[in-house]
PDB file of N, CA and C in Angstrom:
ATOM      1  N   MET A   1     125.447  59.621 209.174  1.00  0.00           N
ATOM      2  CA  MET A   1     126.517  60.513 208.684  1.00  0.00           C
ATOM      3  C   MET A   1     127.522  59.492 207.770  1.00  0.00           C
ATOM      4  N   PRO A   2     127.582  59.976 206.585  1.00  0.00           N
ATOM      5  CA  PRO A   2     128.527  59.276 205.906  1.00  0.00           C
ATOM      6  C   PRO A   2     129.871  58.976 206.522  1.00  0.00           C
ATOM      7  N   GLU A   3     130.721  57.638 206.471  1.00  0.00           N
ATOM      8  CA  GLU A   3     132.010  57.599 206.929  1.00  0.00           C
ATOM      9  C   GLU A   3     133.109  58.022 206.386  1.00  0.00           C
ATOM     10  N   ALA A   4     133.929  58.938 206.534  1.00  0.00           N
ATOM     11  CA  ALA A   4     135.143  59.519 205.962  1.00  0.00           C
ATOM     12  C   ALA A   4     135.935  58.319 205.327  1.00  0.00           C
ATOM     13  N   ALA A   5     136.566  58.230 204.311  1.00  0.00           N
ATOM     14  CA  ALA A   5     137.349  57.014 203.729  1.00  0.00           C
ATOM     15  C   ALA A   5     138.953  57.658 204.032  1.00  0.00           C
ATOM     16  N   PRO A   6     139.373  56.721 204.538  1.00  0.00           N
ATOM     17  CA  PRO A   6     140.955  57.223 204.727  1.00  0.00           C
ATOM     18  C   PRO A   6     141.848  57.774 203.952  1.00  0.00           C
ATOM     19  N   ALA A   7     142.533  58.770 204.246  1.00  0.00           N
ATOM     20  CA  ALA A   7     143.057  59.409 203.161  1.00  0.00           C
ATOM     21  C   ALA A   7     144.741  58.714 202.812  1.00  0.00           C
ATOM     22  N   GLU A   8     145.260  57.919 203.697  1.00  0.00           N
ATOM     23  CA  GLU A   8     145.748  57.214 203.350  1.00  0.00           C
ATOM     24  C   GLU A   8     145.724  55.729 203.391  1.00  0.00           C
ATOM     25  N   GLY A   9     146.403  54.924 202.708  1.00  0.00           N
ATOM     26  CA  GLY A   9     146.127  53.109 203.076  1.00  0.00           C
ATOM     27  C   GLY A   9     145.916  52.881 201.342  1.00  0.00           C
ATOM     28  N   PRO A  10     146.458  51.606 201.501  1.00  0.00           N
ATOM     29  CA  PRO A  10     146.207  50.882 200.040  1.00  0.00           C
ATOM     30  C   PRO A  10     144.798  51.389 199.360  1.00  0.00           C
ATOM     31  N   ARG A  11     144.818  51.304 198.179  1.00  0.00           N
ATOM     32  CA  ARG A  11     143.592  51.572 197.435  1.00  0.00           C
ATOM     33  C   ARG A  11     143.043  50.357 196.968  1.00  0.00           C
ATOM     34  N   ILE A  12     141.831  50.073 197.041  1.00  0.00           N
ATOM     35  CA  ILE A  12     141.414  48.951 196.720  1.00  0.00           C
ATOM     36  C   ILE A  12     140.287  49.103 195.300  1.00  0.00           C
ATOM     37  N   LEU A  13     140.333  48.467 194.206  1.00  0.00           N
ATOM     38  CA  LEU A  13     139.026  48.510 193.530  1.00  0.00           C
ATOM     39  C   LEU A  13     138.081  47.612 194.234  1.00  0.00           C
ATOM     40  N   LEU A  14     136.889  48.020 194.085  1.00  0.00           N
ATOM     41  CA  LEU A  14     135.493  47.157 194.428  1.00  0.00           C
ATOM     42  C   LEU A  14     134.825  47.147 193.358  1.00  0.00           C
ATOM     43  N   LEU A  15     134.585  46.090 192.499  1.00  0.00           N
ATOM     44  CA  LEU A  15     133.586  45.556 191.484  1.00  0.00           C
ATOM     45  C   LEU A  15     132.667  44.621 192.049  1.00  0.00           C
ATOM     46  N   GLU A  16     131.371  45.348 192.391  1.00  0.00           N
ATOM     47  CA  GLU A  16     130.373  44.593 192.948  1.00  0.00           C
ATOM     48  C   GLU A  16     129.064  45.100 192.240  1.00  0.00           C
ATOM     49  N   ASP A  17     128.245  44.450 191.680  1.00  0.00           N
ATOM     50  CA  ASP A  17     126.884  45.050 191.198  1.00  0.00           C
ATOM     51  C   ASP A  17     125.745  45.015 192.290  1.00  0.00           C
ATOM     52  N   GLU A  18     125.774  44.269 193.268  1.00  0.00           N
ATOM     53  CA  GLU A  18     124.470  44.586 194.211  1.00  0.00           C
ATOM     54  C   GLU A  18     124.856  45.623 195.215  1.00  0.00           C
ATOM     55  N   TRP A  19     123.869  46.330 195.202  1.00  0.00           N
ATOM     56  CA  TRP A  19     124.519  47.536 196.133  1.00  0.00           C
ATOM     57  C   TRP A  19     124.394  47.518 197.463  1.00  0.00           C
ATOM     58  N   LEU A  20     123.851  46.414 198.253  1.00  0.00           N
ATOM     59  CA  LEU A  20     124.088  46.304 199.617  1.00  0.00           C
ATOM     60  C   LEU A  20     125.244  45.516 199.647  1.00  0.00           C
ATOM     61  N   ILE A  21     125.557  44.490 198.956  1.00  0.00           N
ATOM     62  CA  ILE A  21     126.863  44.125 199.262  1.00  0.00           C
ATOM     63  C   ILE A  21     127.996  44.898 199.254  1.00  0.00           C
ATOM     64  N   ALA A  22     127.837  45.772 198.205  1.00  0.00           N
ATOM     65  CA  ALA A  22     129.020  46.880 197.580  1.00  0.00           C
ATOM     66  C   ALA A  22     129.006  47.868 198.703  1.00  0.00           C
ATOM     67  N   GLU A  23     127.919  48.417 199.388  1.00  0.00           N
ATOM     68  CA  GLU A  23     128.004  49.317 200.203  1.00  0.00           C
ATOM     69  C   GLU A  23     128.970  48.477 201.959  1.00  0.00           C
ATOM     70  N   ALA A  24     128.410  47.570 202.141  1.00  0.00           N
ATOM     71  CA  ALA A  24     128.857  46.830 203.062  1.00  0.00           C
ATOM     72  C   ALA A  24     130.364  46.542 203.050  1.00  0.00           C
ATOM     73  N   THR A  25     130.890  45.935 201.978  1.00  0.00           N
ATOM     74  CA  THR A  25     132.194  45.854 201.951  1.00  0.00           C
ATOM     75  C   THR A  25     133.069  47.004 201.758  1.00  0.00           C
ATOM     76  N   ALA A  26     132.443  48.090 200.990  1.00  0.00           N
ATOM     77  CA  ALA A  26     133.254  48.996 201.035  1.00  0.00           C
ATOM     78  C   ALA A  26     133.169  50.153 202.328  1.00  0.00           C
ATOM     79  N   HIS A  27     132.325  49.740 203.352  1.00  0.00           N
ATOM     80  CA  HIS A  27     132.429  50.269 204.777  1.00  0.00           C
ATOM     81  C   HIS A  27     133.508  49.540 205.557  1.00  0.00           C
ATOM     82  N   SER A  28     133.266  48.172 205.042  1.00  0.00           N
ATOM     83  CA  SER A  28     134.510  47.108 205.818  1.00  0.00           C
ATOM     84  C   SER A  28     135.764  47.608 205.306  1.00  0.00           C
ATOM     85  N   LEU A  29     136.044  47.795 204.084  1.00  0.00           N
ATOM     86  CA  LEU A  29     137.298  47.941 203.423  1.00  0.00           C
ATOM     87  C   LEU A  29     137.778  49.523 204.428  1.00  0.00           C
ATOM     88  N   ARG A  30     137.142  50.864 204.282  1.00  0.00           N
ATOM     89  CA  ARG A  30     137.366  52.066 205.226  1.00  0.00           C
ATOM     90  C   ARG A  30     137.423  51.616 206.694  1.00  0.00           C
ATOM     91  N   ARG A  31     136.810  50.855 207.382  1.00  0.00           N
ATOM     92  CA  ARG A  31     136.720  50.248 208.626  1.00  0.00           C
ATOM     93  C   ARG A  31     138.482  49.638 208.857  1.00  0.00           C
ATOM     94  N   LEU A  32     138.986  48.589 207.825  1.00  0.00           N
ATOM     95  CA  LEU A  32     140.143  48.306 207.821  1.00  0.00           C
ATOM     96  C   LEU A  32     141.254  49.170 207.476  1.00  0.00           C
ATOM     97  N   GLY A  33     141.065  50.175 207.236  1.00  0.00           N
ATOM     98  CA  GLY A  33     142.225  51.293 206.668  1.00  0.00           C
ATOM     99  C   GLY A  33     142.537  51.344 205.264  1.00  0.00           C
ATOM    100  N   TYR A  34     141.732  50.884 204.734  1.00  0.00           N
ATOM    101  CA  TYR A  34     142.034  50.821 203.176  1.00  0.00           C
ATOM    102  C   TYR A  34     141.089  52.102 202.324  1.00  0.00           C
ATOM    103  N   GLN A  35     141.464  52.541 201.165  1.00  0.00           N
ATOM    104  CA  GLN A  35     140.643  53.648 200.246  1.00  0.00           C
ATOM    105  C   GLN A  35     140.126  52.620 199.290  1.00  0.00           C
ATOM    106  N   THR A  36     138.861  52.766 199.287  1.00  0.00           N
ATOM    107  CA  THR A  36     137.880  52.157 198.202  1.00  0.00           C
ATOM    108  C   THR A  36     137.933  53.086 197.167  1.00  0.00           C
ATOM    109  N   LEU A  37     138.446  52.353 195.883  1.00  0.00           N
ATOM    110  CA  LEU A  37     137.913  53.103 194.365  1.00  0.00           C
ATOM    111  C   LEU A  37     136.469  52.067 194.067  1.00  0.00           C
ATOM    112  N   GLY A  38     135.710  52.861 193.875  1.00  0.00           N
ATOM    113  CA  GLY A  38     134.206  52.311 193.541  1.00  0.00           C
ATOM    114  C   GLY A  38     133.452  52.912 194.917  1.00  0.00           C
ATOM    115  N   PRO A  39     132.410  51.878 195.013  1.00  0.00           N
ATOM    116  CA  PRO A  39     132.293  50.524 194.332  1.00  0.00           C
ATOM    117  C   PRO A  39     132.207  50.767 192.556  1.00  0.00           C
ATOM    118  N   ALA A  40     132.395  50.144 192.174  1.00  0.00           N
ATOM    119  CA  ALA A  40     131.929  50.187 190.527  1.00  0.00           C
ATOM    120  C   ALA A  40     130.843  49.050 190.315  1.00  0.00           C
ATOM    121  N   HIS A  41     130.134  49.415 189.864  1.00  0.00           N
ATOM    122  CA  HIS A  41     128.688  48.704 189.610  1.00  0.00           C
ATOM    123  C   HIS A  41     128.689  47.557 188.213  1.00  0.00           C
ATOM    124  N   SER A  42     129.549  48.107 187.542  1.00  0.00           N
ATOM    125  CA  SER A  42     129.624  47.572 185.986  1.00  0.00           C
ATOM    126  C   SER A  42     130.994  47.100 185.746  1.00  0.00           C
ATOM    127  N   VAL A  43     131.225  46.483 184.351  1.00  0.00           N
ATOM    128  CA  VAL A  43     132.488  46.481 183.605  1.00  0.00           C
ATOM    129  C   VAL A  43     133.044  47.844 183.357  1.00  0.00           C
ATOM    130  N   SER A  44     131.958  48.716 182.660  1.00  0.00           N
ATOM    131  CA  SER A  44     132.321  50.003 182.002  1.00  0.00           C
ATOM    132  C   SER A  44     132.940  51.074 183.224  1.00  0.00           C
ATOM    133  N   ALA A  45     132.152  50.829 184.472  1.00  0.00           N
ATOM    134  CA  ALA A  45     132.596  51.686 185.503  1.00  0.00           C
ATOM    135  C   ALA A  45     133.871  51.434 186.049  1.00  0.00           C
ATOM    136  N   ALA A  46     134.440  50.315 186.258  1.00  0.00           N
ATOM    137  CA  ALA A  46     135.530  49.523 186.999  1.00  0.00           C
ATOM    138  C   ALA A  46     136.647  49.949 185.996  1.00  0.00           C
ATOM    139  N   ALA A  47     136.329  49.869 184.361  1.00  0.00           N
ATOM    140  CA  ALA A  47     137.472  50.235 183.500  1.00  0.00           C
ATOM    141  C   ALA A  47     137.653  51.927 183.669  1.00  0.00           C
ATOM    142  N   ASP A  48     136.158  52.652 184.039  1.00  0.00           N
ATOM    143  CA  ASP A  48     136.825  54.144 184.019  1.00  0.00           C
ATOM    144  C   ASP A  48     137.611  54.548 185.064  1.00  0.00           C
ATOM    145  N   VAL A  49     137.223  53.661 186.361  1.00  0.00           N
ATOM    146  CA  VAL A  49     138.228  53.598 187.461  1.00  0.00           C
ATOM    147  C   VAL A  49     139.773  53.350 187.294  1.00  0.00           C
ATOM    148  N   LEU A  50     140.078  52.509 186.195  1.00  0.00           N
ATOM    149  CA  LEU A  50     141.480  52.001 185.807  1.00  0.00           C
ATOM    150  C   LEU A  50     141.921  53.210 185.079  1.00  0.00           C
ATOM    151  N   ALA A  51     141.057  53.630 184.351  1.00  0.00           N
ATOM    152  CA  ALA A  51     141.657  54.901 183.425  1.00  0.00           C
ATOM    153  C   ALA A  51     142.405  55.964 184.084  1.00  0.00           C
ATOM    154  N   THR A  52     141.877  56.402 185.382  1.00  0.00           N
ATOM    155  CA  THR A  52     141.983  57.356 186.413  1.00  0.00           C
ATOM    156  C   THR A  52     142.879  57.413 187.680  1.00  0.00           C
ATOM    157  N   ALA A  53     142.865  55.875 188.121  1.00  0.00           N
ATOM    158  CA  ALA A  53     144.027  55.543 189.080  1.00  0.00           C
ATOM    159  C   ALA A  53     144.377  54.241 189.168  1.00  0.00           C
ATOM    160  N   THR A  54     145.279  53.963 189.697  1.00  0.00           N
ATOM    161  CA  THR A  54     146.001  52.505 189.826  1.00  0.00           C
ATOM    162  C   THR A  54     145.583  52.087 191.470  1.00  0.00           C
ATOM    163  N   PRO A  55     144.244  51.165 191.434  1.00  0.00           N
ATOM    164  CA  PRO A  55     144.732  50.535 192.822  1.00  0.00           C
ATOM    165  C   PRO A  55     145.798  49.847 193.014  1.00  0.00           C
ATOM    166  N   ASP A  56     145.937  49.664 194.515  1.00  0.00           N
ATOM    167  CA  ASP A  56     147.122  48.250 194.853  1.00  0.00           C
ATOM    168  C   ASP A  56     146.476  47.113 194.807  1.00  0.00           C
ATOM    169  N   ALA A  57     145.384  46.963 195.033  1.00  0.00           N
ATOM    170  CA  ALA A  57     144.629  45.555 194.431  1.00  0.00           C
ATOM    171  C   ALA A  57     143.240  45.715 194.597  1.00  0.00           C
ATOM    172  N   ALA A  58     142.338  44.471 193.876  1.00  0.00           N
ATOM    173  CA  ALA A  58     141.002  44.723 193.484  1.00  0.00           C
ATOM    174  C   ALA A  58     140.057  43.402 194.066  1.00  0.00           C
ATOM    175  N   LEU A  59     139.311  43.558 194.615  1.00  0.00           N
ATOM    176  CA  LEU A  59     138.074  42.536 194.848  1.00  0.00           C
ATOM    177  C   LEU A  59     137.022  42.860 193.430  1.00  0.00           C
ATOM    178  N   ILE A  60     136.668  41.559 192.922  1.00  0.00           N
ATOM    179  CA  ILE A  60     135.924  41.601 191.606  1.00  0.00           C
ATOM    180  C   ILE A  60     134.751  40.354 191.918  1.00  0.00           C
ATOM    181  N   ASP A  61     133.572  40.902 192.116  1.00  0.00           N
ATOM    182  CA  ASP A  61     132.421  39.831 191.783  1.00  0.00           C
ATOM    183  C   ASP A  61     132.887  39.045 190.667  1.00  0.00           C
ATOM    184  N   THR A  62     132.771  37.960 190.255  1.00  0.00           N
ATOM    185  CA  THR A  62     132.711  36.881 189.010  1.00  0.00           C
ATOM    186  C   THR A  62     131.710  37.483 188.051  1.00  0.00           C
ATOM    187  N   VAL A  63     130.265  37.503 188.712  1.00  0.00           N
ATOM    188  CA  VAL A  63     129.107  37.375 187.915  1.00  0.00           C
ATOM    189  C   VAL A  63     128.241  38.709 187.965  1.00  0.00           C
ATOM    190  N   LEU A  64     128.546  39.559 187.535  1.00  0.00           N
ATOM    191  CA  LEU A  64     127.808  40.918 187.471  1.00  0.00           C
ATOM    192  C   LEU A  64     126.172  40.649 186.893  1.00  0.00           C
ATOM    193  N   SER A  65     124.901  41.824 187.310  1.00  0.00           N
ATOM    194  CA  SER A  65     123.837  41.449 186.626  1.00  0.00           C
ATOM    195  C   SER A  65     123.762  41.146 185.261  1.00  0.00           C
ATOM    196  N   ARG A  66     124.359  41.996 184.619  1.00  0.00           N
ATOM    197  CA  ARG A  66     124.315  41.370 183.204  1.00  0.00           C
ATOM    198  C   ARG A  66     125.101  41.505 182.368  1.00  0.00           C
ATOM    199  N   GLU A  67     126.445  41.039 182.788  1.00  0.00           N
ATOM    200  CA  GLU A  67     127.895  40.864 182.415  1.00  0.00           C
ATOM    201  C   GLU A  67     128.732  40.083 182.942  1.00  0.00           C
ATOM    202  N   SER A  68     129.392  39.812 182.610  1.00  0.00           N
ATOM    203  CA  SER A  68     130.808  38.941 183.183  1.00  0.00           C
ATOM    204  C   SER A  68     132.077  40.019 183.524  1.00  0.00           C
ATOM    205  N   SER A  69     132.507  39.661 184.749  1.00  0.00           N
ATOM    206  CA  SER A  69     133.689  40.581 185.454  1.00  0.00           C
ATOM    207  C   SER A  69     135.088  40.342 184.730  1.00  0.00           C
ATOM    208  N   LEU A  70     135.096  39.251 183.896  1.00  0.00           N
ATOM    209  CA  LEU A  70     136.523  38.753 183.544  1.00  0.00           C
ATOM    210  C   LEU A  70     137.229  39.644 182.309  1.00  0.00           C
ATOM    211  N   PRO A  71     136.657  40.687 181.890  1.00  0.00           N
ATOM    212  CA  PRO A  71     137.240  41.627 181.071  1.00  0.00           C
ATOM    213  C   PRO A  71     138.174  42.550 182.192  1.00  0.00           C
ATOM    214  N   ILE A  72     137.870  42.831 183.166  1.00  0.00           N
ATOM    215  CA  ILE A  72     138.412  43.800 184.477  1.00  0.00           C
ATOM    216  C   ILE A  72     139.508  42.749 184.747  1.00  0.00           C
ATOM    217  N   ALA A  73     139.237  41.169 185.169  1.00  0.00           N
ATOM    218  CA  ALA A  73     140.279  40.405 185.720  1.00  0.00           C
ATOM    219  C   ALA A  73     141.489  40.133 184.746  1.00  0.00           C
ATOM    220  N   ASP A  74     141.110  40.384 183.428  1.00  0.00           N
ATOM    221  CA  ASP A  74     142.091  40.378 182.284  1.00  0.00           C
ATOM    222  C   ASP A  74     142.885  41.549 182.434  1.00  0.00           C
ATOM    223  N   ARG A  75     142.399  42.638 182.505  1.00  0.00           N
ATOM    224  CA  ARG A  75     142.973  44.162 182.639  1.00  0.00           C
ATOM    225  C   ARG A  75     143.920  44.238 183.697  1.00  0.00           C
ATOM    226  N   LEU A  76     143.043  44.041 184.964  1.00  0.00           N
ATOM    227  CA  LEU A  76     144.140  43.780 185.907  1.00  0.00           C
ATOM    228  C   LEU A  76     145.258  43.164 185.908  1.00  0.00           C
ATOM    229  N   THR A  77     145.263  41.864 185.508  1.00  0.00           N
ATOM    230  CA  THR A  77     146.545  40.876 185.083  1.00  0.00           C
ATOM    231  C   THR A  77     147.397  41.416 184.060  1.00  0.00           C
ATOM    232  N   GLU A  78     146.858  42.245 183.081  1.00  0.00           N
ATOM    233  CA  GLU A  78     147.633  43.108 182.198  1.00  0.00           C
ATOM    234  C   GLU A  78     148.737  43.998 183.015  1.00  0.00           C
ATOM    235  N   LEU A  79     148.014  44.846 183.925  1.00  0.00           N
ATOM    236  CA  LEU A  79     148.296  45.947 184.245  1.00  0.00           C
ATOM    237  C   LEU A  79     149.246  45.084 185.867  1.00  0.00           C
ATOM    238  N   GLY A  80     149.047  43.891 186.186  1.00  0.00           N
ATOM    239  CA  GLY A  80     149.891  43.719 187.244  1.00  0.00           C
ATOM    240  C   GLY A  80     149.519  43.979 188.787  1.00  0.00           C
ATOM    241  N   ILE A  81     148.244  44.011 188.569  1.00  0.00           N
ATOM    242  CA  ILE A  81     147.514  44.308 189.716  1.00  0.00           C
ATOM    243  C   ILE A  81     146.865  43.205 190.535  1.00  0.00           C
ATOM    244  N   PRO A  82     147.168  42.843 191.467  1.00  0.00           N
ATOM    245  CA  PRO A  82     146.656  41.818 192.343  1.00  0.00           C
ATOM    246  C   PRO A  82     145.162  41.691 192.622  1.00  0.00           C
ATOM    247  N   PHE A  83     144.424  40.499 192.454  1.00  0.00           N
ATOM    248  CA  PHE A  83     143.102  40.765 192.880  1.00  0.00           C
ATOM    249  C   PHE A  83     142.421  39.275 193.269  1.00  0.00           C
ATOM    250  N   ALA A  84     141.437  39.639 193.783  1.00  0.00           N
ATOM    251  CA  ALA A  84     140.659  38.467 194.065  1.00  0.00           C
ATOM    252  C   ALA A  84     139.194  38.202 193.579  1.00  0.00           C
ATOM    253  N   PHE A  85     138.835  37.137 192.952  1.00  0.00           N
ATOM    254  CA  PHE A  85     137.467  37.211 193.121  1.00  0.00           C
ATOM    255  C   PHE A  85     136.570  37.139 194.111  1.00  0.00           C
ATOM    256  N   TYR A  86     135.323  37.683 194.164  1.00  0.00           N
ATOM    257  CA  TYR A  86     134.560  37.978 195.439  1.00  0.00           C
ATOM    258  C   TYR A  86     133.345  37.547 195.044  1.00  0.00           C
ATOM    259  N   SER A  87     132.955  36.311 195.053  1.00  0.00           N
ATOM    260  CA  SER A  87     131.788  35.509 194.660  1.00  0.00           C
ATOM    261  C   SER A  87     131.049  34.793 195.445  1.00  0.00           C
ATOM    262  N   GLY A  88     129.679  34.782 195.162  1.00  0.00           N
ATOM    263  CA  GLY A  88     128.667  33.632 195.839  1.00  0.00           C
ATOM    264  C   GLY A  88     128.824  32.235 194.907  1.00  0.00           C
ATOM    265  N   PHE A  89     129.577  32.405 193.537  1.00  0.00           N
ATOM    266  CA  PHE A  89     129.545  31.328 192.905  1.00  0.00           C
ATOM    267  C   PHE A  89     130.808  30.175 193.411  1.00  0.00           C
ATOM    268  N   GLU A  90     130.819  29.136 192.271  1.00  0.00           N
ATOM    269  CA  GLU A  90     131.958  28.472 193.108  1.00  0.00           C
ATOM    270  C   GLU A  90     133.121  28.999 192.135  1.00  0.00           C
ATOM    271  N   ARG A  91     134.617  28.542 192.541  1.00  0.00           N
ATOM    272  CA  ARG A  91     135.557  28.851 191.748  1.00  0.00           C
ATOM    273  C   ARG A  91     135.593  27.933 190.761  1.00  0.00           C
ATOM    274  N   SER A  92     134.749  26.728 190.612  1.00  0.00           N
ATOM    275  CA  SER A  92     135.353  26.003 189.548  1.00  0.00           C
ATOM    276  C   SER A  92     134.328  26.758 188.031  1.00  0.00           C
ATOM    277  N   ASP A  93     133.276  27.745 188.468  1.00  0.00           N
ATOM    278  CA  ASP A  93     132.753  28.415 187.560  1.00  0.00           C
ATOM    279  C   ASP A  93     133.728  29.428 186.824  1.00  0.00           C
ATOM    280  N   LEU A  94     135.261  29.646 187.245  1.00  0.00           N
ATOM    281  CA  LEU A  94     136.045  30.334 186.535  1.00  0.00           C
ATOM    282  C   LEU A  94     136.538  29.694 185.573  1.00  0.00           C
ATOM    283  N   PRO A  95     137.164  30.197 184.453  1.00  0.00           N
ATOM    284  CA  PRO A  95     137.632  30.012 183.094  1.00  0.00           C
ATOM    285  C   PRO A  95     139.279  29.185 183.606  1.00  0.00           C
ATOM    286  N   GLU A  96     139.845  28.350 183.137  1.00  0.00           N
ATOM    287  CA  GLU A  96     140.893  27.850 183.003  1.00  0.00           C
ATOM    288  C   GLU A  96     141.874  28.774 183.781  1.00  0.00           C
ATOM    289  N   ARG A  97     142.113  30.155 182.957  1.00  0.00           N
ATOM    290  CA  ARG A  97     143.071  30.874 182.859  1.00  0.00           C
ATOM    291  C   ARG A  97     143.328  31.568 184.107  1.00  0.00           C
ATOM    292  N   PHE A  98     141.941  31.266 185.175  1.00  0.00           N
ATOM    293  CA  PHE A  98     141.987  32.130 186.457  1.00  0.00           C
ATOM    294  C   PHE A  98     141.644  30.922 187.568  1.00  0.00           C
ATOM    295  N   LYS A  99     142.072  29.864 187.143  1.00  0.00           N
ATOM    296  CA  LYS A  99     141.864  28.939 188.366  1.00  0.00           C
ATOM    297  C   LYS A  99     142.867  28.970 189.467  1.00  0.00           C
ATOM    298  N   ASP A 100     143.862  29.860 189.569  1.00  0.00           N
ATOM    299  CA  ASP A 100     144.819  29.505 190.486  1.00  0.00           C
ATOM    300  C   ASP A 100     144.851  31.171 191.067  1.00  0.00           C
ATOM    301  N   CYS A 101     143.666  31.876 190.702  1.00  0.00           N
ATOM    302  CA  CYS A 101     143.894  33.554 191.224  1.00  0.00           C
ATOM    303  C   CYS A 101     143.227  32.957 192.429  1.00  0.00           C
ATOM    304  N   ARG A 102     143.264  34.098 193.618  1.00  0.00           N
ATOM    305  CA  ARG A 102     142.686  33.912 195.035  1.00  0.00           C
ATOM    306  C   ARG A 102     141.080  34.120 194.473  1.00  0.00           C
ATOM    307  N   PHE A 103     140.209  33.788 195.819  1.00  0.00           N
ATOM    308  CA  PHE A 103     138.972  33.435 195.337  1.00  0.00           C
ATOM    309  C   PHE A 103     138.179  33.460 196.855  1.00  0.00           C
ATOM    310  N   LEU A 104     137.341  34.435 197.189  1.00  0.00           N
ATOM    311  CA  LEU A 104     136.468  34.795 198.537  1.00  0.00           C
ATOM    312  C   LEU A 104     135.328  34.546 198.004  1.00  0.00           C
ATOM    313  N   ARG A 105     134.728  33.524 199.046  1.00  0.00           N
ATOM    314  CA  ARG A 105     133.321  33.099 199.151  1.00  0.00           C
ATOM    315  C   ARG A 105     132.585  34.419 199.877  1.00  0.00           C
ATOM    316  N   LYS A 106     131.780  34.526 199.400  1.00  0.00           N
ATOM    317  CA  LYS A 106     130.825  35.395 200.003  1.00  0.00           C
ATOM    318  C   LYS A 106     129.639  35.188 200.780  1.00  0.00           C
ATOM    319  N   PRO A 107     129.343  35.336 201.877  1.00  0.00           N
ATOM    320  CA  PRO A 107     129.906  36.350 202.659  1.00  0.00           C
ATOM    321  C   PRO A 107     131.232  36.249 203.406  1.00  0.00           C
ATOM    322  N   ILE A 108     131.825  37.375 203.720  1.00  0.00           N
ATOM    323  CA  ILE A 108     133.391  37.101 204.029  1.00  0.00           C
ATOM    324  C   ILE A 108     133.483  38.442 205.497  1.00  0.00           C
ATOM    325  N   GLY A 109     133.522  37.651 206.795  1.00  0.00           N
ATOM    326  CA  GLY A 109     134.106  38.545 207.761  1.00  0.00           C
ATOM    327  C   GLY A 109     135.137  39.336 207.446  1.00  0.00           C
ATOM    328  N   GLU A 110     135.030  40.488 208.126  1.00  0.00           N
ATOM    329  CA  GLU A 110     136.459  41.637 208.271  1.00  0.00           C
ATOM    330  C   GLU A 110     137.800  40.901 208.719  1.00  0.00           C
ATOM    331  N   ALA A 111     137.787  39.909 209.465  1.00  0.00           N
ATOM    332  CA  ALA A 111     139.050  39.223 209.581  1.00  0.00           C
ATOM    333  C   ALA A 111     139.554  38.659 208.367  1.00  0.00           C
ATOM    334  N   ALA A 112     138.911  37.965 207.932  1.00  0.00           N
ATOM    335  CA  ALA A 112     139.081  37.034 206.734  1.00  0.00           C
ATOM    336  C   ALA A 112     139.280  37.936 205.330  1.00  0.00           C
ATOM    337  N   LEU A 113     138.376  39.025 205.342  1.00  0.00           N
ATOM    338  CA  LEU A 113     138.892  39.896 204.309  1.00  0.00           C
ATOM    339  C   LEU A 113     140.279  40.748 204.458  1.00  0.00           C
ATOM    340  N   LYS A 114     140.434  40.979 205.858  1.00  0.00           N
ATOM    341  CA  LYS A 114     141.923  41.532 206.062  1.00  0.00           C
ATOM    342  C   LYS A 114     142.884  40.852 205.920  1.00  0.00           C
ATOM    343  N   ALA A 115     142.693  39.424 206.399  1.00  0.00           N
ATOM    344  CA  ALA A 115     143.912  38.811 205.848  1.00  0.00           C
ATOM    345  C   ALA A 115     144.154  38.303 204.455  1.00  0.00           C
ATOM    346  N   ALA A 116     142.914  38.354 203.824  1.00  0.00           N
ATOM    347  CA  ALA A 116     142.793  38.384 202.107  1.00  0.00           C
ATOM    348  C   ALA A 116     143.509  39.221 201.218  1.00  0.00           C
ATOM    349  N   LEU A 117     142.940  40.530 202.013  1.00  0.00           N
ATOM    350  CA  LEU A 117     143.975  41.906 201.317  1.00  0.00           C
ATOM    351  C   LEU A 117     145.568  41.979 201.675  1.00  0.00           C
ATOM    352  N   GLU A 118     145.555  41.437 202.889  1.00  0.00           N
ATOM    353  CA  GLU A 118     147.158  41.498 203.324  1.00  0.00           C
ATOM    354  C   GLU A 118     147.940  40.993 202.496  1.00  0.00           C
ATOM    355  N   ALA A 119     147.654  39.530 202.093  1.00  0.00           N
ATOM    356  CA  ALA A 119     147.884  38.826 201.234  1.00  0.00           C
ATOM    357  C   ALA A 119     148.205  38.908 199.870  1.00  0.00           C
ATOM    358  N   LEU A 120     147.179  39.351 199.388  1.00  0.00           N
ATOM    359  CA  LEU A 120     147.014  40.145 198.001  1.00  0.00           C
ATOM    360  C   LEU A 120     148.029  41.414 197.751  1.00  0.00           C
ATOM    361  N   LEU A 121     148.089  42.465 198.854  1.00  0.00           N
ATOM    362  CA  LEU A 121     149.253  43.656 198.920  1.00  0.00           C
ATOM    363  C   LEU A 121     150.676  42.784 198.711  1.00  0.00           C
ATOM    364  N   ALA A 122     150.762  41.951 200.036  1.00  0.00           N
ATOM    365  CA  ALA A 122     152.219  41.118 199.453  1.00  0.00           C
ATOM    366  C   ALA A 122     152.504  40.650 198.231  1.00  0.00           C
ATOM    367  N   SER A 123     151.551  40.144 197.832  1.00  0.00           N
ATOM    368  CA  SER A 123     151.749  39.775 196.346  1.00  0.00           C
ATOM    369  C   SER A 123     151.791  40.615 195.305  1.00  0.00           C
ATOM    370  N   ALA A 124     151.997  41.903 195.594  1.00  0.00           N
ATOM    371  CA  ALA A 124     151.845  42.666 194.373  1.00  0.00           C
ATOM    372  C   ALA A 124     153.289  42.844 194.100  1.00  0.00           C
ATOM    373  N   PRO A 125     153.770  43.106 192.764  1.00  0.00           N
ATOM    374  CA  PRO A 125     155.095  43.586 192.333  1.00  0.00           C
ATOM    375  C   PRO A 125     155.415  45.038 192.928  1.00  0.00           C
ATOM    376  N   ALA A 126     156.512  45.504 192.893  1.00  0.00           N
ATOM    377  CA  ALA A 126     157.176  46.736 193.258  1.00  0.00           C
ATOM    378  C   ALA A 126     156.727  47.522 192.375  1.00  0.00           C
ATOM    379  N   ARG A 127     156.090  48.995 192.935  1.00  0.00           N
ATOM    380  CA  ARG A 127     155.627  49.593 191.941  1.00  0.00           C
ATOM    381  C   ARG A 127     156.849  50.969 191.921  1.00  0.00           C
ATOM    382  N   GLY A 128     157.348  51.548 191.010  1.00  0.00           N
ATOM    383  CA  GLY A 128     158.209  52.717 191.021  1.00  0.00           C
ATOM    384  C   GLY A 128     157.379  53.870 190.713  1.00  0.00           C
TER     385      GLY A 128
END
């Protein structure tokens, strides 16, 4: 039986192209009390989410199967939405403009995921 998403709680955009990782991460987010926007499996799907909803934070895979997620990272930066790269690649693979961004290595346990999201949310600018 599918797990119900929390009615309240911070909204996290999840951009991940690997189905199994996306579903496992979305499940962990729900278990931790977050609402999941997505998972989006492509840049265009993530852009569609951003056109209709404002996440409180985002987790984005750095390299999708056929494209880079950097346009979404740029858009999140423009919108002032905190995010973390969530990747099996290395931080050193990121362009210089993202070297100071939060970076989570896959796989990540729920306790570490929760701590990272709490830090991201604490860094978010106040919204009016």
